[in-house]
Amino acid sequence: MAMNKDRAETIALQCLEWLVGNDELLPVFLGATGASAQDLRDGADQPAFLGAVLDFLLMDDNFVRDFCMAQNLEPELPFMARQMLPGGDIPNWT
């Protein structure tokens, strides 16, 4: 499945929306990132912030699974999307 920047941003926005609607996980995200509610609004159109949203999601396989199930996405798509956003081109050392 092909990934481009627009699709990556769409997936990240879906993830942000999913996080905002998750009463248990949103405070964890806010605490882990130091983001405020205003930062969420301001960052929704910033590719680097969207990358941070996906970074958070990718920290836990359960987060990825739950998000992908809720959005009817293949589980590899968040990782593929992350690679298309700023900071996502981390080299694979294996």
PDB file of N, CA and C in Angstrom:
ATOM      1  N   MET A   1       0.837  -1.176   0.000  1.00  0.00           N
ATOM      2  CA  MET A   1       0.000   0.000   0.000  1.00  0.00           C
ATOM      3  C   MET A   1       0.885   1.244   0.000  1.00  0.00           C
ATOM      4  N   ALA A   2       0.678   2.107  -0.943  1.00  0.00           N
ATOM      5  CA  ALA A   2       1.516   3.297  -1.097  1.00  0.00           C
ATOM      6  C   ALA A   2       1.181   4.335  -0.024  1.00  0.00           C
ATOM      7  N   MET A   3       2.228   5.028   0.394  1.00  0.00           N
ATOM      8  CA  MET A   3       2.063   6.086   1.391  1.00  0.00           C
ATOM      9  C   MET A   3       2.691   7.344   0.827  1.00  0.00           C
ATOM     10  N   ASN A   4       1.988   8.449   0.975  1.00  0.00           N
ATOM     11  CA  ASN A   4       2.535   9.741   0.601  1.00  0.00           C
ATOM     12  C   ASN A   4       2.289  10.714   1.756  1.00  0.00           C
ATOM     13  N   LYS A   5       2.805  11.911   1.635  1.00  0.00           N
ATOM     14  CA  LYS A   5       2.719  12.877   2.736  1.00  0.00           C
ATOM     15  C   LYS A   5       1.271  13.208   3.081  1.00  0.00           C
ATOM     16  N   ASP A   6       0.429  13.394   2.090  1.00  0.00           N
ATOM     17  CA  ASP A   6      -0.975  13.727   2.357  1.00  0.00           C
ATOM     18  C   ASP A   6      -1.678  12.605   3.114  1.00  0.00           C
ATOM     19  N   ARG A   7      -1.450  11.388   2.677  1.00  0.00           N
ATOM     20  CA  ARG A   7      -2.083  10.244   3.365  1.00  0.00           C
ATOM     21  C   ARG A   7      -1.521  10.107   4.772  1.00  0.00           C
ATOM     22  N   ALA A   8      -0.220  10.340   4.937  1.00  0.00           N
ATOM     23  CA  ALA A   8       0.395  10.266   6.263  1.00  0.00           C
ATOM     24  C   ALA A   8      -0.227  11.301   7.200  1.00  0.00           C
ATOM     25  N   GLU A   9      -0.421  12.514   6.707  1.00  0.00           N
ATOM     26  CA  GLU A   9      -1.028  13.554   7.533  1.00  0.00           C
ATOM     27  C   GLU A   9      -2.473  13.198   7.877  1.00  0.00           C
ATOM     28  N   THR A  10      -3.187  12.601   6.946  1.00  0.00           N
ATOM     29  CA  THR A  10      -4.564  12.184   7.209  1.00  0.00           C
ATOM     30  C   THR A  10      -4.610  11.131   8.306  1.00  0.00           C
ATOM     31  N   ILE A  11      -3.718  10.151   8.235  1.00  0.00           N
ATOM     32  CA  ILE A  11      -3.671   9.106   9.262  1.00  0.00           C
ATOM     33  C   ILE A  11      -3.312   9.720  10.613  1.00  0.00           C
ATOM     34  N   ALA A  12      -2.366  10.637  10.621  1.00  0.00           N
ATOM     35  CA  ALA A  12      -1.981  11.287  11.874  1.00  0.00           C
ATOM     36  C   ALA A  12      -3.134  12.113  12.439  1.00  0.00           C
ATOM     37  N   LEU A  13      -3.878  12.786  11.583  1.00  0.00           N
ATOM     38  CA  LEU A  13      -5.051  13.536  12.054  1.00  0.00           C
ATOM     39  C   LEU A  13      -6.115  12.596  12.608  1.00  0.00           C
ATOM     40  N   GLN A  14      -6.292  11.459  11.974  1.00  0.00           N
ATOM     41  CA  GLN A  14      -7.220  10.461  12.502  1.00  0.00           C
ATOM     42  C   GLN A  14      -6.760  10.009  13.883  1.00  0.00           C
ATOM     43  N   CYS A  15      -5.468   9.843  14.031  1.00  0.00           N
ATOM     44  CA  CYS A  15      -4.913   9.427  15.314  1.00  0.00           C
ATOM     45  C   CYS A  15      -5.147  10.509  16.367  1.00  0.00           C
ATOM     46  N   LEU A  16      -4.910  11.758  16.012  1.00  0.00           N
ATOM     47  CA  LEU A  16      -5.144  12.862  16.942  1.00  0.00           C
ATOM     48  C   LEU A  16      -6.610  12.895  17.360  1.00  0.00           C
ATOM     49  N   GLU A  17      -7.499  12.741  16.412  1.00  0.00           N
ATOM     50  CA  GLU A  17      -8.935  12.722  16.722  1.00  0.00           C
ATOM     51  C   GLU A  17      -9.260  11.558  17.656  1.00  0.00           C
ATOM     52  N   TRP A  18      -8.680  10.400  17.386  1.00  0.00           N
ATOM     53  CA  TRP A  18      -8.892   9.223  18.221  1.00  0.00           C
ATOM     54  C   TRP A  18      -8.383   9.470  19.638  1.00  0.00           C
ATOM     55  N   LEU A  19      -7.207  10.093  19.756  1.00  0.00           N
ATOM     56  CA  LEU A  19      -6.662  10.401  21.080  1.00  0.00           C
ATOM     57  C   LEU A  19      -7.556  11.374  21.843  1.00  0.00           C
ATOM     58  N   VAL A  20      -8.015  12.414  21.170  1.00  0.00           N
ATOM     59  CA  VAL A  20      -8.864  13.413  21.819  1.00  0.00           C
ATOM     60  C   VAL A  20     -10.158  12.765  22.329  1.00  0.00           C
ATOM     61  N   GLY A  21     -10.653  11.780  21.630  1.00  0.00           N
ATOM     62  CA  GLY A  21     -11.863  11.091  22.044  1.00  0.00           C
ATOM     63  C   GLY A  21     -11.648   9.983  23.051  1.00  0.00           C
ATOM     64  N   ASN A  22     -10.411   9.748  23.447  1.00  0.00           N
ATOM     65  CA  ASN A  22     -10.083   8.671  24.376  1.00  0.00           C
ATOM     66  C   ASN A  22      -9.794   9.272  25.755  1.00  0.00           C
ATOM     67  N   ASP A  23     -10.787   9.206  26.633  1.00  0.00           N
ATOM     68  CA  ASP A  23     -10.677   9.845  27.945  1.00  0.00           C
ATOM     69  C   ASP A  23      -9.554   9.276  28.806  1.00  0.00           C
ATOM     70  N   GLU A  24      -9.187   8.034  28.595  1.00  0.00           N
ATOM     71  CA  GLU A  24      -8.111   7.428  29.381  1.00  0.00           C
ATOM     72  C   GLU A  24      -6.737   7.745  28.807  1.00  0.00           C
ATOM     73  N   LEU A  25      -6.621   7.756  27.502  1.00  0.00           N
ATOM     74  CA  LEU A  25      -5.320   7.906  26.863  1.00  0.00           C
ATOM     75  C   LEU A  25      -4.919   9.364  26.634  1.00  0.00           C
ATOM     76  N   LEU A  26      -5.884  10.251  26.447  1.00  0.00           N
ATOM     77  CA  LEU A  26      -5.548  11.650  26.192  1.00  0.00           C
ATOM     78  C   LEU A  26      -4.700  12.253  27.313  1.00  0.00           C
ATOM     79  N   PRO A  27      -5.029  12.053  28.592  1.00  0.00           N
ATOM     80  CA  PRO A  27      -4.175  12.623  29.635  1.00  0.00           C
ATOM     81  C   PRO A  27      -2.752  12.045  29.626  1.00  0.00           C
ATOM     82  N   VAL A  28      -2.619  10.797  29.218  1.00  0.00           N
ATOM     83  CA  VAL A  28      -1.296  10.180  29.122  1.00  0.00           C
ATOM     84  C   VAL A  28      -0.502  10.870  28.012  1.00  0.00           C
ATOM     85  N   PHE A  29      -1.154  11.096  26.878  1.00  0.00           N
ATOM     86  CA  PHE A  29      -0.507  11.795  25.765  1.00  0.00           C
ATOM     87  C   PHE A  29      -0.100  13.203  26.176  1.00  0.00           C
ATOM     88  N   LEU A  30      -1.007  13.930  26.801  1.00  0.00           N
ATOM     89  CA  LEU A  30      -0.707  15.300  27.214  1.00  0.00           C
ATOM     90  C   LEU A  30       0.450  15.322  28.214  1.00  0.00           C
ATOM     91  N   GLY A  31       0.447  14.392  29.150  1.00  0.00           N
ATOM     92  CA  GLY A  31       1.523  14.322  30.131  1.00  0.00           C
ATOM     93  C   GLY A  31       2.858  13.928  29.516  1.00  0.00           C
ATOM     94  N   ALA A  32       2.820  12.996  28.584  1.00  0.00           N
ATOM     95  CA  ALA A  32       4.054  12.515  27.955  1.00  0.00           C
ATOM     96  C   ALA A  32       4.676  13.563  27.039  1.00  0.00           C
ATOM     97  N   THR A  33       3.834  14.350  26.393  1.00  0.00           N
ATOM     98  CA  THR A  33       4.345  15.320  25.420  1.00  0.00           C
ATOM     99  C   THR A  33       4.462  16.732  25.977  1.00  0.00           C
ATOM    100  N   GLY A  34       3.768  16.991  27.078  1.00  0.00           N
ATOM    101  CA  GLY A  34       3.746  18.350  27.610  1.00  0.00           C
ATOM    102  C   GLY A  34       2.823  19.261  26.818  1.00  0.00           C
ATOM    103  N   ALA A  35       2.037  18.688  25.921  1.00  0.00           N
ATOM    104  CA  ALA A  35       1.123  19.474  25.094  1.00  0.00           C
ATOM    105  C   ALA A  35      -0.098  19.904  25.908  1.00  0.00           C
ATOM    106  N   SER A  36      -0.666  21.015  25.515  1.00  0.00           N
ATOM    107  CA  SER A  36      -1.906  21.508  26.111  1.00  0.00           C
ATOM    108  C   SER A  36      -3.040  21.314  25.102  1.00  0.00           C
ATOM    109  N   ALA A  37      -4.260  21.583  25.549  1.00  0.00           N
ATOM    110  CA  ALA A  37      -5.398  21.511  24.634  1.00  0.00           C
ATOM    111  C   ALA A  37      -5.213  22.497  23.477  1.00  0.00           C
ATOM    112  N   GLN A  38      -4.657  23.652  23.770  1.00  0.00           N
ATOM    113  CA  GLN A  38      -4.400  24.637  22.716  1.00  0.00           C
ATOM    114  C   GLN A  38      -3.357  24.120  21.726  1.00  0.00           C
ATOM    115  N   ASP A  39      -2.338  23.426  22.246  1.00  0.00           N
ATOM    116  CA  ASP A  39      -1.325  22.836  21.372  1.00  0.00           C
ATOM    117  C   ASP A  39      -1.943  21.823  20.412  1.00  0.00           C
ATOM    118  N   LEU A  40      -2.941  21.090  20.885  1.00  0.00           N
ATOM    119  CA  LEU A  40      -3.615  20.126  20.013  1.00  0.00           C
ATOM    120  C   LEU A  40      -4.300  20.839  18.857  1.00  0.00           C
ATOM    121  N   ARG A  41      -4.969  21.926  19.160  1.00  0.00           N
ATOM    122  CA  ARG A  41      -5.646  22.696  18.109  1.00  0.00           C
ATOM    123  C   ARG A  41      -4.625  23.317  17.148  1.00  0.00           C
ATOM    124  N   ASP A  42      -3.580  23.924  17.720  1.00  0.00           N
ATOM    125  CA  ASP A  42      -2.574  24.593  16.897  1.00  0.00           C
ATOM    126  C   ASP A  42      -1.739  23.605  16.081  1.00  0.00           C
ATOM    127  N   GLY A  43      -1.498  22.432  16.640  1.00  0.00           N
ATOM    128  CA  GLY A  43      -0.621  21.462  15.991  1.00  0.00           C
ATOM    129  C   GLY A  43      -1.281  20.611  14.931  1.00  0.00           C
ATOM    130  N   ALA A  44      -2.595  20.664  14.857  1.00  0.00           N
ATOM    131  CA  ALA A  44      -3.307  19.791  13.922  1.00  0.00           C
ATOM    132  C   ALA A  44      -2.923  20.019  12.475  1.00  0.00           C
ATOM    133  N   ASP A  45      -2.360  21.181  12.165  1.00  0.00           N
ATOM    134  CA  ASP A  45      -1.936  21.432  10.777  1.00  0.00           C
ATOM    135  C   ASP A  45      -0.421  21.529  10.646  1.00  0.00           C
ATOM    136  N   GLN A  46       0.282  21.036  11.659  1.00  0.00           N
ATOM    137  CA  GLN A  46       1.750  21.063  11.666  1.00  0.00           C
ATOM    138  C   GLN A  46       2.294  19.639  11.505  1.00  0.00           C
ATOM    139  N   PRO A  47       2.934  19.334  10.388  1.00  0.00           N
ATOM    140  CA  PRO A  47       3.440  17.976  10.169  1.00  0.00           C
ATOM    141  C   PRO A  47       4.352  17.464  11.288  1.00  0.00           C
ATOM    142  N   ALA A  48       5.172  18.316  11.879  1.00  0.00           N
ATOM    143  CA  ALA A  48       6.050  17.853  12.955  1.00  0.00           C
ATOM    144  C   ALA A  48       5.243  17.427  14.185  1.00  0.00           C
ATOM    145  N   PHE A  49       4.201  18.182  14.514  1.00  0.00           N
ATOM    146  CA  PHE A  49       3.340  17.809  15.638  1.00  0.00           C
ATOM    147  C   PHE A  49       2.609  16.507  15.332  1.00  0.00           C
ATOM    148  N   LEU A  50       2.120  16.375  14.121  1.00  0.00           N
ATOM    149  CA  LEU A  50       1.445  15.141  13.741  1.00  0.00           C
ATOM    150  C   LEU A  50       2.390  13.946  13.831  1.00  0.00           C
ATOM    151  N   GLY A  51       3.661  14.173  13.513  1.00  0.00           N
ATOM    152  CA  GLY A  51       4.658  13.118  13.699  1.00  0.00           C
ATOM    153  C   GLY A  51       4.780  12.722  15.158  1.00  0.00           C
ATOM    154  N   ALA A  52       4.734  13.714  16.056  1.00  0.00           N
ATOM    155  CA  ALA A  52       4.805  13.428  17.495  1.00  0.00           C
ATOM    156  C   ALA A  52       3.582  12.631  17.956  1.00  0.00           C
ATOM    157  N   VAL A  53       2.432  12.912  17.368  1.00  0.00           N
ATOM    158  CA  VAL A  53       1.223  12.148  17.690  1.00  0.00           C
ATOM    159  C   VAL A  53       1.441  10.678  17.324  1.00  0.00           C
ATOM    160  N   LEU A  54       1.984  10.445  16.140  1.00  0.00           N
ATOM    161  CA  LEU A  54       2.245   9.063  15.728  1.00  0.00           C
ATOM    162  C   LEU A  54       3.357   8.432  16.549  1.00  0.00           C
ATOM    163  N   ASP A  55       4.361   9.220  16.943  1.00  0.00           N
ATOM    164  CA  ASP A  55       5.406   8.687  17.833  1.00  0.00           C
ATOM    165  C   ASP A  55       4.783   8.131  19.105  1.00  0.00           C
ATOM    166  N   PHE A  56       3.862   8.897  19.674  1.00  0.00           N
ATOM    167  CA  PHE A  56       3.189   8.443  20.893  1.00  0.00           C
ATOM    168  C   PHE A  56       2.424   7.155  20.636  1.00  0.00           C
ATOM    169  N   LEU A  57       1.656   7.132  19.576  1.00  0.00           N
ATOM    170  CA  LEU A  57       0.878   5.941  19.257  1.00  0.00           C
ATOM    171  C   LEU A  57       1.780   4.717  19.118  1.00  0.00           C
ATOM    172  N   LEU A  58       2.893   4.898  18.427  1.00  0.00           N
ATOM    173  CA  LEU A  58       3.785   3.776  18.123  1.00  0.00           C
ATOM    174  C   LEU A  58       4.572   3.277  19.328  1.00  0.00           C
ATOM    175  N   MET A  59       4.460   3.957  20.453  1.00  0.00           N
ATOM    176  CA  MET A  59       5.143   3.504  21.668  1.00  0.00           C
ATOM    177  C   MET A  59       4.564   2.207  22.212  1.00  0.00           C
ATOM    178  N   ASP A  60       3.332   1.899  21.863  1.00  0.00           N
ATOM    179  CA  ASP A  60       2.667   0.747  22.475  1.00  0.00           C
ATOM    180  C   ASP A  60       1.851   0.001  21.424  1.00  0.00           C
ATOM    181  N   ASP A  61       2.115  -1.273  21.295  1.00  0.00           N
ATOM    182  CA  ASP A  61       1.389  -2.078  20.312  1.00  0.00           C
ATOM    183  C   ASP A  61      -0.114  -2.059  20.559  1.00  0.00           C
ATOM    184  N   ASN A  62      -0.525  -1.979  21.834  1.00  0.00           N
ATOM    185  CA  ASN A  62      -1.955  -1.936  22.138  1.00  0.00           C
ATOM    186  C   ASN A  62      -2.591  -0.653  21.621  1.00  0.00           C
ATOM    187  N   PHE A  63      -1.860   0.462  21.716  1.00  0.00           N
ATOM    188  CA  PHE A  63      -2.370   1.721  21.173  1.00  0.00           C
ATOM    189  C   PHE A  63      -2.581   1.584  19.664  1.00  0.00           C
ATOM    190  N   VAL A  64      -1.572   1.023  19.003  1.00  0.00           N
ATOM    191  CA  VAL A  64      -1.646   0.850  17.542  1.00  0.00           C
ATOM    192  C   VAL A  64      -2.826  -0.038  17.184  1.00  0.00           C
ATOM    193  N   ARG A  65      -2.950  -1.140  17.867  1.00  0.00           N
ATOM    194  CA  ARG A  65      -4.041  -2.076  17.584  1.00  0.00           C
ATOM    195  C   ARG A  65      -5.403  -1.404  17.772  1.00  0.00           C
ATOM    196  N   ASP A  66      -5.570  -0.725  18.907  1.00  0.00           N
ATOM    197  CA  ASP A  66      -6.862  -0.097  19.191  1.00  0.00           C
ATOM    198  C   ASP A  66      -7.193   0.999  18.178  1.00  0.00           C
ATOM    199  N   PHE A  67      -6.197   1.817  17.848  1.00  0.00           N
ATOM    200  CA  PHE A  67      -6.403   2.874  16.871  1.00  0.00           C
ATOM    201  C   PHE A  67      -6.765   2.280  15.514  1.00  0.00           C
ATOM    202  N   CYS A  68      -6.003   1.312  15.066  1.00  0.00           N
ATOM    203  CA  CYS A  68      -6.240   0.726  13.744  1.00  0.00           C
ATOM    204  C   CYS A  68      -7.593   0.029  13.679  1.00  0.00           C
ATOM    205  N   MET A  69      -7.977  -0.627  14.750  1.00  0.00           N
ATOM    206  CA  MET A  69      -9.297  -1.258  14.769  1.00  0.00           C
ATOM    207  C   MET A  69     -10.393  -0.195  14.692  1.00  0.00           C
ATOM    208  N   ALA A  70     -10.232   0.892  15.424  1.00  0.00           N
ATOM    209  CA  ALA A  70     -11.237   1.958  15.433  1.00  0.00           C
ATOM    210  C   ALA A  70     -11.350   2.646  14.081  1.00  0.00           C
ATOM    211  N   GLN A  71     -10.232   2.739  13.372  1.00  0.00           N
ATOM    212  CA  GLN A  71     -10.208   3.444  12.084  1.00  0.00           C
ATOM    213  C   GLN A  71     -10.265   2.504  10.884  1.00  0.00           C
ATOM    214  N   ASN A  72     -10.329   1.207  11.159  1.00  0.00           N
ATOM    215  CA  ASN A  72     -10.351   0.200  10.095  1.00  0.00           C
ATOM    216  C   ASN A  72      -9.129   0.347   9.178  1.00  0.00           C
ATOM    217  N   LEU A  73      -7.952   0.433   9.807  1.00  0.00           N
ATOM    218  CA  LEU A  73      -6.685   0.560   9.088  1.00  0.00           C
ATOM    219  C   LEU A  73      -5.828  -0.673   9.308  1.00  0.00           C
ATOM    220  N   GLU A  74      -4.973  -0.947   8.352  1.00  0.00           N
ATOM    221  CA  GLU A  74      -3.989  -2.011   8.514  1.00  0.00           C
ATOM    222  C   GLU A  74      -2.985  -1.573   9.579  1.00  0.00           C
ATOM    223  N   PRO A  75      -2.519  -2.479  10.425  1.00  0.00           N
ATOM    224  CA  PRO A  75      -1.665  -2.093  11.553  1.00  0.00           C
ATOM    225  C   PRO A  75      -0.301  -1.521  11.174  1.00  0.00           C
ATOM    226  N   GLU A  76       0.158  -1.736   9.961  1.00  0.00           N
ATOM    227  CA  GLU A  76       1.449  -1.180   9.566  1.00  0.00           C
ATOM    228  C   GLU A  76       1.347   0.271   9.090  1.00  0.00           C
ATOM    229  N   LEU A  77       0.146   0.758   8.844  1.00  0.00           N
ATOM    230  CA  LEU A  77      -0.021   2.095   8.281  1.00  0.00           C
ATOM    231  C   LEU A  77       0.461   3.229   9.188  1.00  0.00           C
ATOM    232  N   PRO A  78       0.243   3.183  10.508  1.00  0.00           N
ATOM    233  CA  PRO A  78       0.774   4.275  11.325  1.00  0.00           C
ATOM    234  C   PRO A  78       2.302   4.396  11.233  1.00  0.00           C
ATOM    235  N   PHE A  79       2.997   3.276  11.195  1.00  0.00           N
ATOM    236  CA  PHE A  79       4.453   3.324  11.067  1.00  0.00           C
ATOM    237  C   PHE A  79       4.860   3.873   9.702  1.00  0.00           C
ATOM    238  N   MET A  80       4.177   3.438   8.676  1.00  0.00           N
ATOM    239  CA  MET A  80       4.473   3.943   7.334  1.00  0.00           C
ATOM    240  C   MET A  80       4.200   5.446   7.258  1.00  0.00           C
ATOM    241  N   ALA A  81       3.107   5.870   7.882  1.00  0.00           N
ATOM    242  CA  ALA A  81       2.780   7.297   7.904  1.00  0.00           C
ATOM    243  C   ALA A  81       3.847   8.078   8.656  1.00  0.00           C
ATOM    244  N   ARG A  82       4.313   7.535   9.762  1.00  0.00           N
ATOM    245  CA  ARG A  82       5.322   8.234  10.558  1.00  0.00           C
ATOM    246  C   ARG A  82       6.584   8.493   9.754  1.00  0.00           C
ATOM    247  N   GLN A  83       6.949   7.577   8.918  1.00  0.00           N
ATOM    248  CA  GLN A  83       8.156   7.731   8.116  1.00  0.00           C
ATOM    249  C   GLN A  83       8.055   8.866   7.110  1.00  0.00           C
ATOM    250  N   MET A  84       6.844   9.274   6.768  1.00  0.00           N
ATOM    251  CA  MET A  84       6.643  10.324   5.778  1.00  0.00           C
ATOM    252  C   MET A  84       6.622  11.730   6.386  1.00  0.00           C
ATOM    253  N   LEU A  85       6.562  11.812   7.705  1.00  0.00           N
ATOM    254  CA  LEU A  85       6.461  13.106   8.380  1.00  0.00           C
ATOM    255  C   LEU A  85       7.819  13.520   8.931  1.00  0.00           C
ATOM    256  N   PRO A  86       8.014  14.807   9.239  1.00  0.00           N
ATOM    257  CA  PRO A  86       9.314  15.276   9.740  1.00  0.00           C
ATOM    258  C   PRO A  86       9.790  14.460  10.948  1.00  0.00           C
ATOM    259  N   GLY A  87      11.048  14.051  10.881  1.00  0.00           N
ATOM    260  CA  GLY A  87      11.646  13.258  11.955  1.00  0.00           C
ATOM    261  C   GLY A  87      11.410  11.774  11.830  1.00  0.00           C
ATOM    262  N   GLY A  88      10.664  11.369  10.831  1.00  0.00           N
ATOM    263  CA  GLY A  88      10.332   9.956  10.687  1.00  0.00           C
ATOM    264  C   GLY A  88      11.323   9.155   9.887  1.00  0.00           C
ATOM    265  N   ASP A  89      12.360   9.813   9.392  1.00  0.00           N
ATOM    266  CA  ASP A  89      13.341   9.119   8.559  1.00  0.00           C
ATOM    267  C   ASP A  89      14.499   8.588   9.383  1.00  0.00           C
ATOM    268  N   ILE A  90      14.184   8.034  10.537  1.00  0.00           N
ATOM    269  CA  ILE A  90      15.203   7.468  11.415  1.00  0.00           C
ATOM    270  C   ILE A  90      15.784   6.229  10.753  1.00  0.00           C
ATOM    271  N   PRO A  91      17.103   6.127  10.707  1.00  0.00           N
ATOM    272  CA  PRO A  91      17.705   4.973  10.029  1.00  0.00           C
ATOM    273  C   PRO A  91      17.444   3.673  10.777  1.00  0.00           C
ATOM    274  N   ASN A  92      17.326   2.618  10.021  1.00  0.00           N
ATOM    275  CA  ASN A  92      17.173   1.285  10.582  1.00  0.00           C
ATOM    276  C   ASN A  92      18.565   0.678  10.699  1.00  0.00           C
ATOM    277  N   TRP A  93      18.999   0.396  11.916  1.00  0.00           N
ATOM    278  CA  TRP A  93      20.357  -0.085  12.159  1.00  0.00           C
ATOM    279  C   TRP A  93      20.488  -1.580  12.102  1.00  0.00           C
ATOM    280  N   THR A  94      19.422  -2.294  11.809  1.00  0.00           N
ATOM    281  CA  THR A  94      19.523  -3.761  11.769  1.00  0.00           C
ATOM    282  C   THR A  94      19.786  -4.247  10.375  1.00  0.00           C
TER     283      THR A  94
END
